[in-house]
C-alpha atoms as a PDB file:
ATOM      1  CA  MET A   1       0.059  -8.769   6.553  1.00  0.00           C
ATOM      2  CA  LYS A   2      -0.837 -10.966   3.504  1.00  0.00           C
ATOM      3  CA  SER A   3       0.515  -8.109   1.728  1.00  0.00           C
ATOM      4  CA  ILE A   4       3.879  -8.758   3.388  1.00  0.00           C
ATOM      5  CA  LYS A   5       3.535 -12.815   3.315  1.00  0.00           C
ATOM      6  CA  ASN A   6       3.893 -11.810  -0.554  1.00  0.00           C
ATOM      7  CA  ILE A   7       6.468  -9.780  -0.897  1.00  0.00           C
ATOM      8  CA  SER A   8       9.087 -12.350   1.350  1.00  0.00           C
ATOM      9  CA  ILE A   9       7.841 -15.266  -1.069  1.00  0.00           C
ATOM     10  CA  ILE A  10       8.388 -13.533  -4.040  1.00  0.00           C
ATOM     11  CA  LEU A  11      12.021 -12.305  -2.902  1.00  0.00           C
ATOM     12  CA  LYS A  12      12.912 -15.218  -1.462  1.00  0.00           C
ATOM     13  CA  ASN A  13      11.610 -17.154  -4.356  1.00  0.00           C
ATOM     14  CA  ASN A  14      13.982 -14.448  -7.376  1.00  0.00           C
ATOM     15  CA  GLY A  15      16.312 -13.248  -5.371  1.00  0.00           C
ATOM     16  CA  LEU A  16      18.485 -10.168  -5.883  1.00  0.00           C
ATOM     17  CA  ASP A  17      18.476 -10.969  -9.760  1.00  0.00           C
ATOM     18  CA  SER A  18      15.964  -8.833 -11.561  1.00  0.00           C
ATOM     19  CA  GLU A  19      16.114 -11.059 -14.217  1.00  0.00           C
ATOM     20  CA  ASN A  20      14.310 -13.826 -12.282  1.00  0.00           C
ATOM     21  CA  TYR A  21      11.456 -11.298 -11.748  1.00  0.00           C
ATOM     22  CA  SER A  22       8.613 -11.983 -14.014  1.00  0.00           C
ATOM     23  CA  GLU A  23       5.629  -8.984 -14.432  1.00  0.00           C
ATOM     24  CA  ASP A  24       3.082 -10.251 -12.351  1.00  0.00           C
ATOM     25  CA  ASP A  25       5.971 -10.082  -9.746  1.00  0.00           C
ATOM     26  CA  ILE A  26       7.109  -6.825 -10.263  1.00  0.00           C
ATOM     27  CA  ASN A  27       3.117  -6.068 -10.304  1.00  0.00           C
ATOM     28  CA  ALA A  28       2.446  -7.481  -7.148  1.00  0.00           C
ATOM     29  CA  LEU A  29       5.661  -5.477  -5.223  1.00  0.00           C
ATOM     30  CA  ASN A  30       4.605  -2.274  -7.174  1.00  0.00           C
ATOM     31  CA  VAL A  31       0.791  -3.361  -5.443  1.00  0.00           C
ATOM     32  CA  SER A  32       2.331  -4.084  -1.878  1.00  0.00           C
ATOM     33  CA  LEU A  33       4.872  -0.813  -1.844  1.00  0.00           C
ATOM     34  CA  SER A  34       1.925   1.423  -2.610  1.00  0.00           C
ATOM     35  CA  LEU A  35      -0.350  -0.588  -0.190  1.00  0.00           C
ATOM     36  CA  THR A  36       2.383   0.198   2.486  1.00  0.00           C
ATOM     37  CA  LYS A  37       3.130   3.582   1.303  1.00  0.00           C
ATOM     38  CA  LEU A  38      -1.102   4.272   2.007  1.00  0.00           C
ATOM     39  CA  ILE A  39      -1.092   2.608   5.161  1.00  0.00           C
ATOM     40  CA  TYR A  40       1.192   4.779   6.533  1.00  0.00           C
ATOM     41  CA  ARG A  41      -0.325   8.076   5.324  1.00  0.00           C
ATOM     42  CA  ILE A  42      -3.274   6.977   6.786  1.00  0.00           C
ATOM     43  CA  ILE A  43      -2.206   6.252   9.914  1.00  0.00           C
ATOM     44  CA  ASN A  44      -0.068   9.482  10.107  1.00  0.00           C
ATOM     45  CA  THR A  45      -2.920  11.978   8.438  1.00  0.00           C
ATOM     46  CA  PRO A  46      -4.717  13.542  11.055  1.00  0.00           C
ATOM     47  CA  LEU A  47      -8.398  13.074  11.519  1.00  0.00           C
ATOM     48  CA  LEU A  48      -9.683  16.017  12.919  1.00  0.00           C
ATOM     49  CA  ASP A  49      -8.224  19.771  12.745  1.00  0.00           C
ATOM     50  CA  GLU A  50      -8.170  21.934  16.175  1.00  0.00           C
ATOM     51  CA  ASN A  51     -11.580  23.048  15.530  1.00  0.00           C
ATOM     52  CA  GLY A  52     -12.734  18.807  16.081  1.00  0.00           C
ATOM     53  CA  ASN A  53     -13.834  19.016  12.043  1.00  0.00           C
ATOM     54  CA  ILE A  54     -12.766  16.619   9.726  1.00  0.00           C
ATOM     55  CA  GLU A  55      -9.114  17.106   7.725  1.00  0.00           C
ATOM     56  CA  LYS A  56      -9.729  17.686   3.815  1.00  0.00           C
ATOM     57  CA  GLU A  57      -6.531  15.322   3.839  1.00  0.00           C
ATOM     58  CA  SER A  58      -8.328  12.177   6.104  1.00  0.00           C
ATOM     59  CA  ILE A  59     -10.926  11.939   3.644  1.00  0.00           C
ATOM     60  CA  LYS A  60      -8.712  12.359   0.926  1.00  0.00           C
ATOM     61  CA  VAL A  61      -6.628   9.519   2.273  1.00  0.00           C
ATOM     62  CA  ILE A  62      -9.238   7.425   3.415  1.00  0.00           C
ATOM     63  CA  GLN A  63     -10.556   7.741   0.068  1.00  0.00           C
ATOM     64  CA  GLN A  64      -7.601   6.647  -1.604  1.00  0.00           C
ATOM     65  CA  GLY A  65      -7.309   3.205   0.839  1.00  0.00           C
ATOM     66  CA  ARG A  66     -10.874   2.404  -0.767  1.00  0.00           C
ATOM     67  CA  ASP A  67      -9.771   2.735  -4.043  1.00  0.00           C
ATOM     68  CA  MET A  68      -6.841   0.882  -3.219  1.00  0.00           C
ATOM     69  CA  LEU A  69      -8.661  -2.081  -1.784  1.00  0.00           C
ATOM     70  CA  LYS A  70     -10.630  -2.241  -4.370  1.00  0.00           C
ATOM     71  CA  GLN A  71      -7.841  -2.469  -7.147  1.00  0.00           C
ATOM     72  CA  ILE A  72      -7.126  -5.594  -5.098  1.00  0.00           C
ATOM     73  CA  GLN A  73      -9.468  -7.271  -4.210  1.00  0.00           C
END
């Protein structure tokens, strides 16, 4: 939610003109978008396979989530 609020504030303050965006604004938007895509992947990646074993892809996505959280803290 904090990420969405930050995007909203940046867009409201800078409008549609790309000249108004600082390097920090662009980086914040990129991090927020990456976080959004990662959350989508976490939600949509099956945790278990048909035999009840943990999917390798779910482990990969969860680790990416942990790495992302370390970066933004």
